[in-house]
Amino acid sequence: MKFGVSTFITDEGIGPRALGPALEERGFDTLLLAEHSHIPVNRETPYPGGGELPRVYYRTLDPFVALAAAASVTRDLLLGTGIALVVQRDPITTAKEIASLDLISGGRAVFGVGAGWNREEMRNHGTDPASRGRLMDERIRAMIELWTKDEAEFHGDFVDFAPVYAWPKPVQRPHPPIWVGGNSERTFARVAEYGSAWLPSAVPPKELGARIEQMRKTAGDRPAVVVYAGGDDRESLDTYAELGVDRVLLYLPTQPEDETLRTLDELAEAVSAHR
């Protein structure tokens, strides 16, 4: 198995230019960053993890700016979103950001996507939570057109534009890999349509095998399985290996630089037997 980390980059923790090289030095191959554009003061949607919303959600850096900074000081590290909130993003602008990241990194961009959970946050972007799944799908289809066509156009219920020129094009062909987050049957249909990997989160290792079988029935054998915020204990890692998981992204708490480096040493040691 391969190993990377998923984390929140904020103004209070380690910066991306320090984190990127630290990951490569310890043999981690992927960095996925969470995204929240803002958090409304008056909150109604319960936090999926239960309890109070953690402080990191309020203070995230823009993921593409942070990933570009990491790209400038790394050579091989995959750089992606985990997850990008596509339902809160303009597809033309987002397509350019991803293509630009892929270009400046030499083809190392990964586009982790999901429909999101914070309904108040979505509404501030003009998004109806009830239709966010269809909106996400259209925006991703439109971005694929922008990446792969010299004269791209798209006509849908939510996204509509006549032929346009949009550069740069991504280095990776036909476009950067799309890792699809979520655990529903609709998620599996998305993996089948445009995903190169399924990005399960909050699925206990003992339940993951059955979910992988369900995903394979819909999406086939091609998509990889990349576990998001996976467990670093021996039992979990053994289970992932037995299931044929391609990559595990360990959750890295947001801490100052010295504490982060110590945590990375511990994580590297925990996964050493499974590399």
Protein backbone atom coordinates (compact mmCIF):
# COMPACT_ATOMS: atom_id res chain seq x y z
CA MET A 1 0.00 0.00 0.00
CA LYS A 2 0.93 3.61 -0.46
CA PHE A 3 0.46 6.20 2.25
CA GLY A 4 -0.29 9.90 2.36
CA VAL A 5 -1.94 12.33 4.73
CA SER A 6 -5.17 14.29 4.83
CA THR A 7 -5.22 17.46 6.88
CA PHE A 8 -6.44 21.01 7.37
CA ILE A 9 -3.88 23.72 6.59
CA THR A 10 -4.69 26.80 8.67
CA ASP A 11 -3.05 30.01 9.79
CA GLU A 12 -2.33 28.37 13.16
CA GLY A 13 -0.48 25.21 12.14
CA ILE A 14 2.45 24.08 10.03
CA GLY A 15 2.68 25.83 6.67
CA PRO A 16 2.56 24.03 3.32
CA ARG A 17 6.18 24.83 2.42
CA ALA A 18 7.37 23.04 5.57
CA LEU A 19 4.84 20.22 5.41
CA GLY A 20 5.46 19.16 1.80
CA PRO A 21 9.17 18.30 2.14
CA ALA A 22 8.55 16.72 5.55
CA LEU A 23 6.11 14.29 3.95
CA GLU A 24 8.50 13.34 1.16
CA GLU A 25 11.36 12.84 3.61
CA ARG A 26 9.24 10.32 5.51
CA GLY A 27 8.05 8.40 2.46
CA PHE A 28 4.50 9.73 2.23
CA ASP A 29 3.38 10.21 -1.37
CA THR A 30 0.17 12.26 -1.15
CA LEU A 31 -1.10 15.42 0.51
CA LEU A 32 -4.85 16.08 0.48
CA LEU A 33 -6.20 19.33 1.94
CA ALA A 34 -9.68 20.01 3.25
CA GLU A 35 -11.65 23.05 2.12
CA HIS A 36 -14.19 25.40 3.67
CA SER A 37 -14.64 28.86 2.20
CA HIS A 38 -16.14 30.18 5.45
CA ILE A 39 -18.34 29.08 8.36
CA PRO A 40 -21.60 30.98 8.96
CA VAL A 41 -21.95 32.37 12.48
CA ASN A 42 -25.49 31.07 12.82
CA ARG A 43 -25.14 27.33 12.31
CA GLU A 44 -27.97 24.82 11.89
CA THR A 45 -26.40 21.80 10.18
CA PRO A 46 -25.01 19.34 12.74
CA TYR A 47 -21.32 18.56 12.47
CA PRO A 48 -21.07 15.01 11.02
CA GLY A 49 -18.40 14.10 13.56
CA GLY A 50 -20.66 15.02 16.45
CA GLY A 51 -20.26 17.74 19.06
CA GLU A 52 -18.86 21.19 18.39
CA LEU A 53 -17.38 22.08 15.03
CA PRO A 54 -13.57 21.89 15.39
CA ARG A 55 -11.62 25.15 15.22
CA VAL A 56 -9.77 24.10 12.04
CA TYR A 57 -12.96 24.37 10.00
CA TYR A 58 -13.07 28.11 10.61
CA ARG A 59 -9.48 28.79 9.56
CA THR A 60 -8.63 26.79 6.45
CA LEU A 61 -6.38 28.31 3.81
CA ASP A 62 -7.48 28.20 0.20
CA PRO A 63 -6.42 24.68 -0.82
CA PHE A 64 -5.07 25.56 -4.25
CA VAL A 65 -2.90 28.38 -2.94
CA ALA A 66 -1.54 26.09 -0.22
CA LEU A 67 -0.97 23.22 -2.67
CA ALA A 68 0.87 25.52 -5.06
CA ALA A 69 3.17 26.52 -2.22
CA ALA A 70 3.83 22.85 -1.44
CA ALA A 71 4.40 22.13 -5.13
CA SER A 72 7.23 24.68 -5.24
CA VAL A 73 9.31 22.77 -2.68
CA THR A 74 8.53 19.12 -3.54
CA ARG A 75 9.35 16.84 -6.47
CA ASP A 76 7.10 13.78 -6.35
CA LEU A 77 4.33 14.45 -3.83
CA LEU A 78 0.78 14.16 -5.17
CA LEU A 79 -1.12 17.34 -4.33
CA GLY A 80 -4.87 17.35 -4.02
CA THR A 81 -8.09 18.40 -2.40
CA GLY A 82 -9.80 16.27 0.17
CA ILE A 83 -12.35 17.40 -0.63
CA ALA A 84 -12.97 20.39 -2.89
CA LEU A 85 -16.48 21.75 -2.36
CA VAL A 86 -17.45 21.84 -6.01
CA VAL A 87 -21.00 22.98 -5.21
CA GLN A 88 -19.52 26.22 -3.88
CA ARG A 89 -17.14 26.87 -6.77
CA ASP A 90 -17.41 28.39 -10.22
CA PRO A 91 -16.49 25.58 -12.64
CA ILE A 92 -14.57 27.74 -15.12
CA THR A 93 -12.40 29.29 -12.41
CA THR A 94 -11.91 25.96 -10.64
CA ALA A 95 -10.91 24.21 -13.86
CA LYS A 96 -8.23 26.86 -14.40
CA GLU A 97 -6.95 26.52 -10.83
CA ILE A 98 -6.59 22.75 -11.09
CA ALA A 99 -4.99 22.91 -14.52
CA SER A 100 -2.58 25.59 -13.28
CA LEU A 101 -1.64 23.47 -10.25
CA ASP A 102 -1.10 20.47 -12.50
CA LEU A 103 1.12 22.52 -14.80
CA ILE A 104 3.34 24.11 -12.15
CA SER A 105 3.69 20.80 -10.26
CA GLY A 106 4.65 18.83 -13.36
CA GLY A 107 1.50 16.71 -13.41
CA ARG A 108 0.94 16.00 -9.71
CA ALA A 109 -2.54 17.44 -9.13
CA VAL A 110 -5.38 15.30 -7.74
CA PHE A 111 -8.97 16.54 -7.65
CA GLY A 112 -10.75 15.07 -4.64
CA VAL A 113 -14.43 16.02 -4.76
CA GLY A 114 -17.60 15.71 -2.73
CA ALA A 115 -21.02 17.29 -2.32
CA GLY A 116 -20.34 18.71 1.15
CA TRP A 117 -22.47 18.78 4.31
CA ASN A 118 -22.73 22.37 5.61
CA ARG A 119 -26.02 23.65 4.21
CA GLU A 120 -25.64 27.21 5.50
CA GLU A 121 -22.24 27.48 3.83
CA MET A 122 -23.70 26.27 0.53
CA ARG A 123 -26.60 28.71 0.65
CA ASN A 124 -24.19 31.63 1.00
CA HIS A 125 -22.80 30.58 -2.39
CA GLY A 126 -26.29 30.52 -3.92
CA THR A 127 -26.48 26.73 -3.85
CA ASP A 128 -29.69 24.88 -2.99
CA PRO A 129 -28.63 21.95 -0.79
CA ALA A 130 -31.45 19.83 -2.19
CA SER A 131 -29.93 19.86 -5.69
CA ARG A 132 -26.25 19.94 -4.78
CA GLY A 133 -25.54 16.44 -6.12
CA ARG A 134 -26.81 17.27 -9.60
CA LEU A 135 -25.01 20.60 -9.47
CA MET A 136 -21.70 18.94 -8.57
CA ASP A 137 -22.02 16.42 -11.38
CA GLU A 138 -22.72 19.12 -13.98
CA ARG A 139 -19.84 21.28 -12.81
CA ILE A 140 -17.41 18.38 -12.97
CA ARG A 141 -18.61 17.40 -16.44
CA ALA A 142 -18.15 21.02 -17.53
CA MET A 143 -14.62 21.10 -16.10
CA ILE A 144 -13.72 17.94 -17.99
CA GLU A 145 -14.84 19.65 -21.19
CA LEU A 146 -12.69 22.69 -20.35
CA TRP A 147 -9.65 20.49 -19.69
CA THR A 148 -9.99 18.30 -22.75
CA LYS A 149 -11.34 20.52 -25.55
CA ASP A 150 -9.69 23.45 -27.31
CA GLU A 151 -13.14 24.93 -27.89
CA ALA A 152 -15.15 23.80 -24.90
CA GLU A 153 -18.86 24.26 -24.42
CA PHE A 154 -21.43 22.96 -22.00
CA HIS A 155 -25.20 23.19 -21.80
CA GLY A 156 -26.95 21.91 -18.70
CA ASP A 157 -29.51 22.84 -16.09
CA PHE A 158 -26.96 24.56 -13.84
CA VAL A 159 -23.96 25.22 -16.09
CA ASP A 160 -24.33 26.77 -19.51
CA PHE A 161 -21.71 28.33 -21.75
CA ALA A 162 -21.15 28.60 -25.50
CA PRO A 163 -17.74 27.60 -26.97
CA VAL A 164 -14.82 29.10 -25.04
CA TYR A 165 -11.04 28.98 -25.01
CA ALA A 166 -9.61 28.02 -21.63
CA TRP A 167 -5.94 27.49 -20.89
CA PRO A 168 -3.74 26.12 -19.46
CA LYS A 169 -4.64 22.53 -20.15
CA PRO A 170 -3.55 19.99 -17.53
CA VAL A 171 -0.30 18.09 -17.96
CA GLN A 172 -2.02 14.81 -17.10
CA ARG A 173 -4.11 13.29 -19.84
CA PRO A 174 -6.96 13.36 -20.30
CA HIS A 175 -7.11 15.35 -17.04
CA PRO A 176 -5.99 15.11 -13.39
CA PRO A 177 -7.42 12.11 -11.54
CA ILE A 178 -10.77 12.68 -9.85
CA TRP A 179 -11.13 10.97 -6.48
CA VAL A 180 -14.78 10.82 -5.46
CA GLY A 181 -15.70 11.11 -1.80
CA GLY A 182 -18.87 9.75 -0.22
CA ASN A 183 -20.37 6.41 0.76
CA SER A 184 -23.69 6.26 -1.07
CA GLU A 185 -24.84 4.35 -4.14
CA ARG A 186 -24.85 7.65 -6.00
CA THR A 187 -21.19 8.05 -5.07
CA PHE A 188 -20.44 4.74 -6.77
CA ALA A 189 -22.25 5.91 -9.91
CA ARG A 190 -20.04 9.01 -9.92
CA VAL A 191 -16.93 6.87 -9.55
CA ALA A 192 -18.11 4.83 -12.54
CA GLU A 193 -18.77 7.94 -14.64
CA TYR A 194 -15.77 10.16 -14.00
CA GLY A 195 -13.75 8.90 -11.04
CA SER A 196 -10.35 7.24 -11.03
CA ALA A 197 -10.65 6.41 -7.33
CA TRP A 198 -13.22 6.03 -4.57
CA LEU A 199 -12.38 8.08 -1.48
CA PRO A 200 -14.28 6.50 1.44
CA SER A 201 -14.29 8.26 4.80
CA ALA A 202 -15.78 7.34 8.16
CA VAL A 203 -16.17 3.70 7.09
CA PRO A 204 -14.94 1.33 9.82
CA PRO A 205 -12.30 -1.06 8.44
CA LYS A 206 -14.48 -4.10 9.24
CA GLU A 207 -17.28 -2.67 7.07
CA LEU A 208 -15.07 -1.48 4.24
CA GLY A 209 -14.85 -4.82 2.43
CA ALA A 210 -18.59 -5.01 1.84
CA ARG A 211 -18.64 -1.41 0.62
CA ILE A 212 -15.77 -2.07 -1.78
CA GLU A 213 -17.72 -5.01 -3.21
CA GLN A 214 -20.73 -2.75 -3.75
CA MET A 215 -18.55 -0.11 -5.40
CA ARG A 216 -17.03 -2.73 -7.73
CA LYS A 217 -20.48 -3.90 -8.84
CA THR A 218 -21.23 -0.38 -10.04
CA ALA A 219 -17.84 0.98 -11.08
CA GLY A 220 -15.86 -2.15 -12.01
CA ASP A 221 -12.29 -3.05 -11.17
CA ARG A 222 -10.58 0.03 -12.61
CA PRO A 223 -11.05 2.65 -9.83
CA ALA A 224 -8.55 2.63 -7.00
CA VAL A 225 -9.60 2.65 -3.34
CA VAL A 226 -8.05 5.51 -1.37
CA VAL A 227 -9.10 5.52 2.28
CA TYR A 228 -9.53 9.04 3.66
CA ALA A 229 -8.47 9.64 7.27
CA GLY A 230 -7.70 5.97 7.71
CA GLY A 231 -6.71 4.33 10.98
CA ASP A 232 -3.01 3.97 11.78
CA ASP A 233 -3.37 1.12 14.27
CA ARG A 234 -2.06 -2.31 13.33
CA GLU A 235 -5.50 -3.95 13.07
CA SER A 236 -6.81 -1.29 10.69
CA LEU A 237 -3.69 -1.35 8.53
CA ASP A 238 -3.77 -5.16 8.33
CA THR A 239 -7.41 -5.01 7.26
CA TYR A 240 -6.70 -2.42 4.56
CA ALA A 241 -3.89 -4.60 3.22
CA GLU A 242 -6.09 -7.71 3.18
CA LEU A 243 -8.78 -5.80 1.26
CA GLY A 244 -6.33 -4.62 -1.38
CA VAL A 245 -6.68 -0.92 -0.58
CA ASP A 246 -4.41 1.05 -2.91
CA ARG A 247 -3.61 3.99 -0.66
CA VAL A 248 -4.35 5.09 2.89
CA LEU A 249 -4.46 8.76 3.80
CA LEU A 250 -3.74 9.13 7.50
CA TYR A 251 -5.32 12.05 9.31
CA LEU A 252 -2.74 14.61 10.38
CA PRO A 253 -3.91 16.93 13.18
CA THR A 254 -3.30 20.62 12.62
CA GLN A 255 -0.43 21.57 14.95
CA PRO A 256 2.59 23.87 15.03
CA GLU A 257 5.61 22.75 13.02
CA ASP A 258 7.60 20.98 15.74
CA GLU A 259 4.59 19.00 16.95
CA THR A 260 3.62 18.12 13.39
CA LEU A 261 7.06 16.74 12.61
CA ARG A 262 6.94 14.54 15.71
CA THR A 263 3.49 13.27 14.70
CA LEU A 264 4.72 12.51 11.19
CA ASP A 265 7.59 10.49 12.64
CA GLU A 266 5.08 8.46 14.64
CA LEU A 267 2.84 7.91 11.62
CA ALA A 268 5.77 6.86 9.45
CA GLU A 269 6.79 4.31 12.06
CA ALA A 270 3.22 3.01 12.37
CA VAL A 271 2.94 2.24 8.64
CA SER A 272 6.49 1.04 8.06
CA ALA A 273 5.56 -2.65 7.98
CA HIS A 274 2.98 -2.08 5.23
CA ARG A 275 5.00 -0.06 2.73
